[in-house]
Amino acid sequence: MASAMTVDGTIRIDWSMPWVGRPLSLPLLAASAYLLWNVALGLQQDFSGFGRLADDLVPVLVFTGLGLLVGIPGLILLTFRYFVVLNESLRQIVITRQFGPLNIRSLRNLADYHLISITDDYDPQLTTYDVSLCGNKGTAPITLSSFTTRDEANRFANELGRVLKLPARDYVGTEPDADDEAES
């Protein structure tokens, strides 16, 4: 699910795409390649003198649009990565969502976060334990990792709390706050 790496006071937590997303992207990319290949063949025929671009303009635009509409989600599924960089010396958190050449970064202040929480998703058959960085009310928590066993989640949270000098609290099996239920 996630892996953490520490270098010179910087902690990088990678959360890779689940393996099931990679094979699901292949049919989308194949369909997109088929549509765009047909566009290329049509344009080659038009520019080599065997057809007229004016007659083929609508199908070329439609197939190009469909190829991009199907191919872009396939590319996102194939290359999506999410990672969090905790820089203790600068007291900053950089959250990066990356797919293909596009990076979406969000910068937060580490001083706004006061504890590391461990919660579960209340699913009796496939429980996952989320380790999150939490702050005061109004501060959006940052999910750092997700584990299938409670011991792994506790071990990760305690190690991260030791490095960041933050307490790790296990909220598994507790009810949500009354204020949180009213806001939802």
N, C-alpha and C. Protein backbone atom coordinates (compact mmCIF):
# COMPACT_ATOMS: atom_id res chain seq x y z
N MET A 1 0.82 -1.18 0.00
CA MET A 1 0.00 0.00 0.00
C MET A 1 0.87 1.26 0.00
N ALA A 2 1.73 1.42 1.00
CA ALA A 2 2.57 2.59 1.05
C ALA A 2 3.95 2.20 1.52
N SER A 3 4.92 3.00 1.11
CA SER A 3 6.27 2.79 1.59
C SER A 3 6.82 4.14 2.01
N ALA A 4 7.67 4.13 3.04
CA ALA A 4 8.23 5.37 3.55
C ALA A 4 9.75 5.31 3.44
N MET A 5 10.34 6.47 3.20
CA MET A 5 11.77 6.57 3.05
C MET A 5 12.22 7.86 3.74
N THR A 6 13.29 7.79 4.52
CA THR A 6 13.80 8.96 5.23
C THR A 6 15.19 9.30 4.71
N VAL A 7 15.39 10.57 4.33
CA VAL A 7 16.69 11.05 3.88
C VAL A 7 16.87 12.46 4.41
N ASP A 8 17.90 12.69 5.22
CA ASP A 8 18.28 14.02 5.71
C ASP A 8 17.11 14.81 6.29
N GLY A 9 16.34 14.22 7.17
CA GLY A 9 15.23 14.92 7.81
C GLY A 9 14.00 15.06 6.95
N THR A 10 14.00 14.44 5.77
CA THR A 10 12.86 14.47 4.88
C THR A 10 12.28 13.07 4.80
N ILE A 11 10.99 12.95 5.03
CA ILE A 11 10.30 11.67 4.96
C ILE A 11 9.40 11.69 3.74
N ARG A 12 9.57 10.70 2.88
CA ARG A 12 8.74 10.59 1.69
C ARG A 12 7.92 9.32 1.80
N ILE A 13 6.60 9.47 1.72
CA ILE A 13 5.68 8.35 1.81
C ILE A 13 5.01 8.19 0.46
N ASP A 14 5.33 7.10 -0.24
CA ASP A 14 4.75 6.81 -1.55
C ASP A 14 3.53 5.93 -1.37
N TRP A 15 2.47 6.28 -2.05
CA TRP A 15 1.26 5.48 -2.05
C TRP A 15 0.97 5.16 -3.50
N SER A 16 1.41 3.99 -3.94
CA SER A 16 1.28 3.65 -5.35
C SER A 16 -0.14 3.23 -5.69
N MET A 17 -0.43 3.26 -6.96
CA MET A 17 -1.73 2.86 -7.47
C MET A 17 -1.93 1.37 -7.20
N PRO A 18 -3.11 0.95 -6.78
CA PRO A 18 -3.35 -0.48 -6.62
C PRO A 18 -3.08 -1.22 -7.94
N TRP A 19 -2.56 -2.42 -7.85
CA TRP A 19 -2.16 -3.16 -9.04
C TRP A 19 -3.31 -3.38 -10.01
N VAL A 20 -4.54 -3.39 -9.51
CA VAL A 20 -5.68 -3.66 -10.38
C VAL A 20 -5.91 -2.50 -11.35
N GLY A 21 -5.46 -1.31 -11.01
CA GLY A 21 -5.65 -0.16 -11.89
C GLY A 21 -4.80 -0.21 -13.14
N ARG A 22 -3.64 -0.82 -13.05
CA ARG A 22 -2.74 -0.90 -14.20
C ARG A 22 -3.32 -1.76 -15.33
N PRO A 23 -3.77 -3.01 -15.06
CA PRO A 23 -4.36 -3.79 -16.16
C PRO A 23 -5.66 -3.18 -16.70
N LEU A 24 -6.42 -2.48 -15.84
CA LEU A 24 -7.66 -1.85 -16.30
C LEU A 24 -7.38 -0.73 -17.30
N SER A 25 -6.19 -0.15 -17.25
CA SER A 25 -5.87 0.92 -18.17
C SER A 25 -5.57 0.41 -19.58
N LEU A 26 -5.16 -0.85 -19.70
CA LEU A 26 -4.77 -1.37 -21.00
C LEU A 26 -5.89 -1.40 -22.04
N PRO A 27 -7.13 -1.83 -21.70
CA PRO A 27 -8.18 -1.76 -22.72
C PRO A 27 -8.49 -0.32 -23.15
N LEU A 28 -8.43 0.61 -22.23
CA LEU A 28 -8.67 2.00 -22.59
C LEU A 28 -7.58 2.52 -23.53
N LEU A 29 -6.33 2.19 -23.24
CA LEU A 29 -5.23 2.63 -24.10
C LEU A 29 -5.28 1.94 -25.46
N ALA A 30 -5.71 0.66 -25.50
CA ALA A 30 -5.83 -0.05 -26.77
C ALA A 30 -6.93 0.56 -27.64
N ALA A 31 -8.06 0.87 -27.04
CA ALA A 31 -9.17 1.49 -27.78
C ALA A 31 -8.75 2.87 -28.30
N SER A 32 -8.05 3.62 -27.47
CA SER A 32 -7.58 4.93 -27.89
C SER A 32 -6.58 4.82 -29.03
N ALA A 33 -5.66 3.86 -28.93
CA ALA A 33 -4.67 3.67 -30.00
C ALA A 33 -5.35 3.26 -31.30
N TYR A 34 -6.38 2.43 -31.22
CA TYR A 34 -7.12 2.02 -32.42
C TYR A 34 -7.79 3.22 -33.09
N LEU A 35 -8.46 4.04 -32.29
CA LEU A 35 -9.14 5.21 -32.85
C LEU A 35 -8.16 6.20 -33.45
N LEU A 36 -7.08 6.47 -32.75
CA LEU A 36 -6.09 7.43 -33.26
C LEU A 36 -5.32 6.88 -34.46
N TRP A 37 -5.14 5.55 -34.53
CA TRP A 37 -4.50 4.94 -35.69
C TRP A 37 -5.38 5.12 -36.93
N ASN A 38 -6.69 4.97 -36.76
CA ASN A 38 -7.61 5.20 -37.88
C ASN A 38 -7.59 6.65 -38.32
N VAL A 39 -7.45 7.57 -37.40
CA VAL A 39 -7.32 8.99 -37.75
C VAL A 39 -6.06 9.19 -38.58
N ALA A 40 -4.95 8.60 -38.13
CA ALA A 40 -3.68 8.74 -38.86
C ALA A 40 -3.79 8.15 -40.26
N LEU A 41 -4.44 6.99 -40.41
CA LEU A 41 -4.61 6.39 -41.73
C LEU A 41 -5.47 7.27 -42.64
N GLY A 42 -6.54 7.84 -42.07
CA GLY A 42 -7.40 8.73 -42.86
C GLY A 42 -6.66 9.98 -43.31
N LEU A 43 -5.87 10.56 -42.40
CA LEU A 43 -5.11 11.76 -42.76
C LEU A 43 -4.03 11.44 -43.79
N GLN A 44 -3.41 10.28 -43.68
CA GLN A 44 -2.40 9.88 -44.65
C GLN A 44 -3.04 9.74 -46.04
N GLN A 45 -4.22 9.14 -46.07
CA GLN A 45 -4.91 8.97 -47.34
C GLN A 45 -5.30 10.33 -47.93
N ASP A 46 -5.76 11.24 -47.08
CA ASP A 46 -6.15 12.56 -47.57
C ASP A 46 -4.95 13.35 -48.08
N PHE A 47 -3.83 13.30 -47.39
CA PHE A 47 -2.66 14.09 -47.79
C PHE A 47 -1.87 13.45 -48.92
N SER A 48 -2.08 12.18 -49.17
CA SER A 48 -1.38 11.54 -50.29
C SER A 48 -2.17 11.66 -51.59
N GLY A 49 -3.35 12.25 -51.57
CA GLY A 49 -4.10 12.53 -52.78
C GLY A 49 -5.20 11.55 -53.09
N PHE A 50 -5.45 10.55 -52.22
CA PHE A 50 -6.50 9.58 -52.49
C PHE A 50 -7.84 9.96 -51.86
N GLY A 51 -7.91 11.06 -51.20
CA GLY A 51 -9.15 11.49 -50.57
C GLY A 51 -9.14 12.99 -50.39
N ARG A 52 -10.25 13.51 -49.90
CA ARG A 52 -10.33 14.95 -49.65
C ARG A 52 -10.53 15.18 -48.17
N LEU A 53 -9.73 16.06 -47.58
CA LEU A 53 -9.83 16.37 -46.16
C LEU A 53 -11.19 16.98 -45.84
N ALA A 54 -11.75 17.73 -46.77
CA ALA A 54 -13.06 18.35 -46.53
C ALA A 54 -14.14 17.29 -46.33
N ASP A 55 -14.04 16.16 -47.02
CA ASP A 55 -15.02 15.10 -46.85
C ASP A 55 -14.82 14.32 -45.56
N ASP A 56 -13.57 14.23 -45.10
CA ASP A 56 -13.24 13.42 -43.93
C ASP A 56 -13.07 14.23 -42.64
N LEU A 57 -13.34 15.51 -42.68
CA LEU A 57 -13.07 16.36 -41.52
C LEU A 57 -13.91 15.97 -40.30
N VAL A 58 -15.19 15.73 -40.47
CA VAL A 58 -16.05 15.38 -39.33
C VAL A 58 -15.63 14.04 -38.72
N PRO A 59 -15.43 12.96 -39.50
CA PRO A 59 -14.98 11.71 -38.88
C PRO A 59 -13.60 11.83 -38.21
N VAL A 60 -12.71 12.60 -38.80
CA VAL A 60 -11.38 12.80 -38.20
C VAL A 60 -11.52 13.49 -36.85
N LEU A 61 -12.33 14.52 -36.77
CA LEU A 61 -12.52 15.23 -35.50
C LEU A 61 -13.22 14.35 -34.46
N VAL A 62 -14.22 13.58 -34.89
CA VAL A 62 -14.95 12.71 -33.96
C VAL A 62 -14.02 11.61 -33.43
N PHE A 63 -13.28 10.95 -34.33
CA PHE A 63 -12.39 9.88 -33.89
C PHE A 63 -11.24 10.42 -33.04
N THR A 64 -10.75 11.60 -33.35
CA THR A 64 -9.71 12.21 -32.52
C THR A 64 -10.25 12.52 -31.12
N GLY A 65 -11.44 13.10 -31.06
CA GLY A 65 -12.05 13.41 -29.76
C GLY A 65 -12.33 12.15 -28.95
N LEU A 66 -12.87 11.11 -29.59
CA LEU A 66 -13.13 9.86 -28.88
C LEU A 66 -11.82 9.19 -28.43
N GLY A 67 -10.81 9.24 -29.28
CA GLY A 67 -9.51 8.65 -28.92
C GLY A 67 -8.91 9.32 -27.71
N LEU A 68 -8.99 10.65 -27.66
CA LEU A 68 -8.47 11.37 -26.50
C LEU A 68 -9.36 11.17 -25.27
N LEU A 69 -10.67 11.12 -25.47
CA LEU A 69 -11.60 10.93 -24.37
C LEU A 69 -11.41 9.57 -23.69
N VAL A 70 -11.06 8.56 -24.45
CA VAL A 70 -10.83 7.23 -23.90
C VAL A 70 -9.39 7.07 -23.43
N GLY A 71 -8.45 7.70 -24.12
CA GLY A 71 -7.02 7.51 -23.82
C GLY A 71 -6.53 8.24 -22.60
N ILE A 72 -7.05 9.42 -22.33
CA ILE A 72 -6.57 10.20 -21.17
C ILE A 72 -6.88 9.49 -19.85
N PRO A 73 -8.10 8.97 -19.61
CA PRO A 73 -8.30 8.20 -18.37
C PRO A 73 -7.42 6.95 -18.30
N GLY A 74 -7.16 6.31 -19.43
CA GLY A 74 -6.27 5.16 -19.43
C GLY A 74 -4.86 5.54 -19.04
N LEU A 75 -4.39 6.69 -19.53
CA LEU A 75 -3.06 7.18 -19.15
C LEU A 75 -3.00 7.54 -17.68
N ILE A 76 -4.07 8.13 -17.17
CA ILE A 76 -4.12 8.47 -15.75
C ILE A 76 -4.09 7.20 -14.89
N LEU A 77 -4.88 6.18 -15.25
CA LEU A 77 -4.86 4.92 -14.50
C LEU A 77 -3.50 4.24 -14.54
N LEU A 78 -2.82 4.34 -15.67
CA LEU A 78 -1.54 3.67 -15.82
C LEU A 78 -0.43 4.36 -15.03
N THR A 79 -0.45 5.68 -14.94
CA THR A 79 0.69 6.41 -14.38
C THR A 79 0.40 7.13 -13.08
N PHE A 80 -0.76 6.95 -12.45
CA PHE A 80 -1.11 7.70 -11.24
C PHE A 80 -0.20 7.33 -10.07
N ARG A 81 0.31 8.35 -9.40
CA ARG A 81 1.09 8.18 -8.17
C ARG A 81 0.69 9.27 -7.19
N TYR A 82 0.73 8.92 -5.91
CA TYR A 82 0.40 9.85 -4.84
C TYR A 82 1.50 9.72 -3.80
N PHE A 83 2.13 10.83 -3.45
CA PHE A 83 3.12 10.75 -2.39
C PHE A 83 3.12 12.03 -1.56
N VAL A 84 3.55 11.84 -0.31
CA VAL A 84 3.60 12.93 0.66
C VAL A 84 5.05 13.07 1.10
N VAL A 85 5.55 14.30 1.09
CA VAL A 85 6.91 14.57 1.55
C VAL A 85 6.81 15.45 2.80
N LEU A 86 7.32 14.92 3.91
CA LEU A 86 7.33 15.65 5.18
C LEU A 86 8.75 16.16 5.40
N ASN A 87 8.94 17.47 5.33
CA ASN A 87 10.25 18.06 5.53
C ASN A 87 10.29 18.63 6.94
N GLU A 88 11.00 17.94 7.82
CA GLU A 88 11.02 18.34 9.22
C GLU A 88 11.82 19.62 9.45
N SER A 89 12.88 19.83 8.68
CA SER A 89 13.70 21.03 8.88
C SER A 89 12.95 22.29 8.43
N LEU A 90 12.19 22.22 7.35
CA LEU A 90 11.40 23.37 6.89
C LEU A 90 10.00 23.40 7.49
N ARG A 91 9.63 22.30 8.20
CA ARG A 91 8.30 22.16 8.81
C ARG A 91 7.19 22.32 7.77
N GLN A 92 7.37 21.64 6.63
CA GLN A 92 6.40 21.70 5.55
C GLN A 92 5.98 20.29 5.13
N ILE A 93 4.79 20.22 4.56
CA ILE A 93 4.26 18.99 3.99
C ILE A 93 3.91 19.30 2.54
N VAL A 94 4.42 18.49 1.63
CA VAL A 94 4.10 18.64 0.21
C VAL A 94 3.36 17.37 -0.22
N ILE A 95 2.12 17.55 -0.66
CA ILE A 95 1.29 16.44 -1.13
C ILE A 95 1.28 16.52 -2.65
N THR A 96 1.70 15.43 -3.31
CA THR A 96 1.80 15.42 -4.77
C THR A 96 0.95 14.31 -5.34
N ARG A 97 0.11 14.69 -6.28
CA ARG A 97 -0.64 13.73 -7.09
C ARG A 97 -0.08 13.86 -8.50
N GLN A 98 0.42 12.75 -9.04
CA GLN A 98 1.11 12.79 -10.31
C GLN A 98 0.52 11.75 -11.25
N PHE A 99 0.22 12.16 -12.46
CA PHE A 99 -0.12 11.20 -13.50
C PHE A 99 0.45 11.72 -14.80
N GLY A 100 1.27 10.84 -15.41
CA GLY A 100 1.99 11.24 -16.62
C GLY A 100 2.91 12.39 -16.29
N PRO A 101 2.99 13.35 -17.17
CA PRO A 101 3.86 14.50 -16.90
C PRO A 101 3.23 15.57 -16.01
N LEU A 102 1.99 15.39 -15.59
CA LEU A 102 1.27 16.39 -14.81
C LEU A 102 1.44 16.15 -13.32
N ASN A 103 1.90 17.16 -12.59
CA ASN A 103 2.05 17.11 -11.14
C ASN A 103 1.11 18.13 -10.52
N ILE A 104 0.32 17.69 -9.55
CA ILE A 104 -0.53 18.60 -8.79
C ILE A 104 -0.02 18.58 -7.37
N ARG A 105 0.52 19.71 -6.92
CA ARG A 105 1.14 19.78 -5.59
C ARG A 105 0.32 20.69 -4.68
N SER A 106 0.33 20.29 -3.41
CA SER A 106 -0.34 21.07 -2.38
C SER A 106 0.64 21.21 -1.21
N LEU A 107 0.88 22.43 -0.78
CA LEU A 107 1.83 22.70 0.30
C LEU A 107 1.06 23.02 1.58
N ARG A 108 1.46 22.36 2.68
CA ARG A 108 0.84 22.61 3.98
C ARG A 108 1.92 22.80 5.03
N ASN A 109 1.55 23.41 6.13
CA ASN A 109 2.47 23.68 7.22
C ASN A 109 2.41 22.54 8.23
N LEU A 110 3.55 21.96 8.56
CA LEU A 110 3.60 20.83 9.49
C LEU A 110 3.17 21.24 10.90
N ALA A 111 3.31 22.52 11.25
CA ALA A 111 2.93 22.99 12.58
C ALA A 111 1.41 22.93 12.80
N ASP A 112 0.62 22.84 11.73
CA ASP A 112 -0.83 22.76 11.85
C ASP A 112 -1.30 21.37 12.28
N TYR A 113 -0.42 20.39 12.26
CA TYR A 113 -0.78 19.01 12.56
C TYR A 113 -0.15 18.60 13.88
N HIS A 114 -0.98 18.00 14.77
CA HIS A 114 -0.56 17.74 16.15
C HIS A 114 -0.53 16.28 16.54
N LEU A 115 -1.09 15.39 15.73
CA LEU A 115 -1.08 13.98 16.11
C LEU A 115 -1.21 13.11 14.87
N ILE A 116 -0.86 11.85 15.08
CA ILE A 116 -1.01 10.83 14.04
C ILE A 116 -2.10 9.88 14.52
N SER A 117 -3.14 9.72 13.71
CA SER A 117 -4.26 8.88 14.12
C SER A 117 -4.31 7.60 13.29
N ILE A 118 -4.83 6.57 13.93
CA ILE A 118 -5.06 5.29 13.26
C ILE A 118 -6.56 5.03 13.37
N THR A 119 -7.22 4.89 12.24
CA THR A 119 -8.66 4.64 12.20
C THR A 119 -8.94 3.45 11.29
N ASP A 120 -10.14 2.88 11.43
CA ASP A 120 -10.54 1.81 10.53
C ASP A 120 -11.76 2.26 9.74
N ASP A 121 -12.12 1.48 8.75
CA ASP A 121 -13.23 1.86 7.88
C ASP A 121 -14.55 1.17 8.22
N TYR A 122 -14.61 0.45 9.34
CA TYR A 122 -15.83 -0.18 9.85
C TYR A 122 -16.40 -1.24 8.90
N ASP A 123 -15.58 -1.77 8.00
CA ASP A 123 -16.03 -2.84 7.11
C ASP A 123 -15.66 -4.17 7.75
N PRO A 124 -16.64 -4.99 8.14
CA PRO A 124 -16.31 -6.22 8.87
C PRO A 124 -15.59 -7.27 8.04
N GLN A 125 -15.69 -7.24 6.72
CA GLN A 125 -15.08 -8.28 5.90
C GLN A 125 -13.68 -7.92 5.41
N LEU A 126 -13.45 -6.69 5.04
CA LEU A 126 -12.15 -6.27 4.55
C LEU A 126 -11.79 -4.94 5.21
N THR A 127 -11.31 -5.01 6.42
CA THR A 127 -10.99 -3.82 7.20
C THR A 127 -9.63 -3.29 6.77
N THR A 128 -9.58 -1.99 6.54
CA THR A 128 -8.30 -1.31 6.31
C THR A 128 -8.09 -0.30 7.42
N TYR A 129 -6.85 -0.14 7.80
CA TYR A 129 -6.49 0.77 8.87
C TYR A 129 -5.71 1.92 8.26
N ASP A 130 -6.28 3.13 8.37
CA ASP A 130 -5.66 4.32 7.79
C ASP A 130 -4.83 5.04 8.84
N VAL A 131 -3.63 5.44 8.44
CA VAL A 131 -2.77 6.26 9.29
C VAL A 131 -2.80 7.67 8.69
N SER A 132 -3.24 8.63 9.52
CA SER A 132 -3.43 9.99 9.03
C SER A 132 -2.74 10.99 9.94
N LEU A 133 -2.36 12.11 9.37
CA LEU A 133 -1.82 13.23 10.10
C LEU A 133 -2.98 14.18 10.38
N CYS A 134 -3.27 14.46 11.65
CA CYS A 134 -4.46 15.24 12.02
C CYS A 134 -4.06 16.50 12.78
N GLY A 135 -4.90 17.52 12.63
CA GLY A 135 -4.68 18.79 13.32
C GLY A 135 -5.94 19.21 14.05
N ASN A 136 -6.06 20.51 14.28
CA ASN A 136 -7.24 21.05 14.96
C ASN A 136 -8.45 20.99 14.05
N LYS A 137 -9.61 21.36 14.58
CA LYS A 137 -10.83 21.41 13.77
C LYS A 137 -10.62 22.43 12.65
N GLY A 138 -11.08 22.06 11.48
CA GLY A 138 -10.92 22.92 10.32
C GLY A 138 -9.68 22.59 9.50
N THR A 139 -8.78 21.80 10.04
CA THR A 139 -7.59 21.38 9.32
C THR A 139 -7.86 20.01 8.71
N ALA A 140 -7.78 19.93 7.40
CA ALA A 140 -8.08 18.66 6.72
C ALA A 140 -6.99 17.64 7.03
N PRO A 141 -7.39 16.44 7.46
CA PRO A 141 -6.38 15.41 7.73
C PRO A 141 -5.74 14.92 6.44
N ILE A 142 -4.51 14.45 6.55
CA ILE A 142 -3.77 13.92 5.41
C ILE A 142 -3.60 12.42 5.63
N THR A 143 -4.19 11.62 4.78
CA THR A 143 -4.03 10.18 4.88
C THR A 143 -2.66 9.82 4.33
N LEU A 144 -1.83 9.24 5.19
CA LEU A 144 -0.47 8.91 4.80
C LEU A 144 -0.34 7.50 4.26
N SER A 145 -1.10 6.58 4.82
CA SER A 145 -0.96 5.19 4.41
C SER A 145 -2.19 4.41 4.83
N SER A 146 -2.33 3.23 4.25
CA SER A 146 -3.43 2.33 4.59
C SER A 146 -2.86 0.93 4.70
N PHE A 147 -3.27 0.21 5.75
CA PHE A 147 -2.75 -1.13 6.02
C PHE A 147 -3.88 -2.11 6.18
N THR A 148 -3.57 -3.39 5.98
CA THR A 148 -4.58 -4.43 6.15
C THR A 148 -4.57 -5.00 7.57
N THR A 149 -3.50 -4.79 8.33
CA THR A 149 -3.47 -5.27 9.72
C THR A 149 -3.24 -4.10 10.66
N ARG A 150 -3.80 -4.24 11.85
CA ARG A 150 -3.70 -3.18 12.85
C ARG A 150 -2.28 -3.05 13.37
N ASP A 151 -1.55 -4.16 13.49
CA ASP A 151 -0.18 -4.11 13.99
C ASP A 151 0.74 -3.33 13.06
N GLU A 152 0.59 -3.53 11.74
CA GLU A 152 1.39 -2.78 10.78
C GLU A 152 1.10 -1.28 10.88
N ALA A 153 -0.18 -0.94 11.01
CA ALA A 153 -0.57 0.47 11.12
C ALA A 153 0.01 1.08 12.39
N ASN A 154 -0.08 0.37 13.52
CA ASN A 154 0.49 0.88 14.78
C ASN A 154 1.99 1.04 14.68
N ARG A 155 2.67 0.08 14.09
CA ARG A 155 4.12 0.14 13.95
C ARG A 155 4.53 1.36 13.10
N PHE A 156 3.84 1.54 11.96
CA PHE A 156 4.14 2.67 11.08
C PHE A 156 3.87 4.00 11.78
N ALA A 157 2.73 4.11 12.46
CA ALA A 157 2.37 5.36 13.14
C ALA A 157 3.33 5.67 14.28
N ASN A 158 3.73 4.66 15.04
CA ASN A 158 4.67 4.91 16.14
C ASN A 158 6.04 5.33 15.62
N GLU A 159 6.51 4.71 14.55
CA GLU A 159 7.81 5.08 13.98
C GLU A 159 7.76 6.50 13.42
N LEU A 160 6.69 6.83 12.71
CA LEU A 160 6.53 8.18 12.16
C LEU A 160 6.39 9.20 13.27
N GLY A 161 5.64 8.86 14.33
CA GLY A 161 5.48 9.77 15.47
C GLY A 161 6.80 10.00 16.19
N ARG A 162 7.64 8.99 16.28
CA ARG A 162 8.95 9.14 16.91
C ARG A 162 9.81 10.10 16.10
N VAL A 163 9.80 9.98 14.79
CA VAL A 163 10.62 10.84 13.93
C VAL A 163 10.11 12.28 13.96
N LEU A 164 8.79 12.46 13.88
CA LEU A 164 8.20 13.81 13.83
C LEU A 164 7.93 14.41 15.21
N LYS A 165 8.14 13.62 16.27
CA LYS A 165 7.87 14.05 17.65
C LYS A 165 6.40 14.41 17.84
N LEU A 166 5.52 13.55 17.30
CA LEU A 166 4.08 13.71 17.43
C LEU A 166 3.50 12.45 18.06
N PRO A 167 2.45 12.60 18.89
CA PRO A 167 1.85 11.39 19.48
C PRO A 167 1.05 10.61 18.43
N ALA A 168 1.08 9.29 18.57
CA ALA A 168 0.29 8.42 17.70
C ALA A 168 -0.86 7.87 18.52
N ARG A 169 -2.10 8.06 18.05
CA ARG A 169 -3.27 7.60 18.79
C ARG A 169 -4.07 6.63 17.94
N ASP A 170 -4.48 5.54 18.58
CA ASP A 170 -5.24 4.49 17.93
C ASP A 170 -6.73 4.71 18.22
N TYR A 171 -7.49 5.08 17.19
CA TYR A 171 -8.93 5.32 17.35
C TYR A 171 -9.76 4.19 16.76
N VAL A 172 -9.17 3.02 16.56
CA VAL A 172 -9.88 1.89 15.99
C VAL A 172 -10.94 1.41 16.98
N GLY A 173 -12.17 1.25 16.49
CA GLY A 173 -13.26 0.76 17.33
C GLY A 173 -13.97 1.84 18.12
N THR A 174 -13.57 3.10 18.00
CA THR A 174 -14.25 4.18 18.71
C THR A 174 -15.26 4.83 17.78
N GLU A 175 -16.25 5.45 18.36
CA GLU A 175 -17.27 6.15 17.59
C GLU A 175 -16.76 7.52 17.17
N PRO A 176 -17.19 8.03 16.01
CA PRO A 176 -16.81 9.39 15.60
C PRO A 176 -17.39 10.43 16.56
N ASP A 177 -16.75 11.59 16.59
CA ASP A 177 -17.24 12.68 17.44
C ASP A 177 -18.62 13.13 16.99
N ALA A 178 -19.41 13.65 17.93
CA ALA A 178 -20.76 14.13 17.61
C ALA A 178 -20.69 15.31 16.65
N ASP A 179 -19.64 16.16 16.76
CA ASP A 179 -19.49 17.29 15.85
C ASP A 179 -19.23 16.83 14.44
N ASP A 180 -18.44 15.75 14.27
CA ASP A 180 -18.14 15.24 12.94
C ASP A 180 -19.37 14.67 12.28
N GLU A 181 -20.26 14.01 13.03
CA GLU A 181 -21.47 13.46 12.45
C GLU A 181 -22.42 14.56 12.02
N ALA A 182 -22.48 15.65 12.78
CA ALA A 182 -23.39 16.76 12.44
C ALA A 182 -22.94 17.46 11.16
N GLU A 183 -21.60 17.51 10.92
CA GLU A 183 -21.09 18.18 9.73
C GLU A 183 -21.30 17.35 8.48
N SER A 184 -21.33 16.02 8.60
CA SER A 184 -21.44 15.14 7.43
C SER A 184 -22.79 15.15 6.81
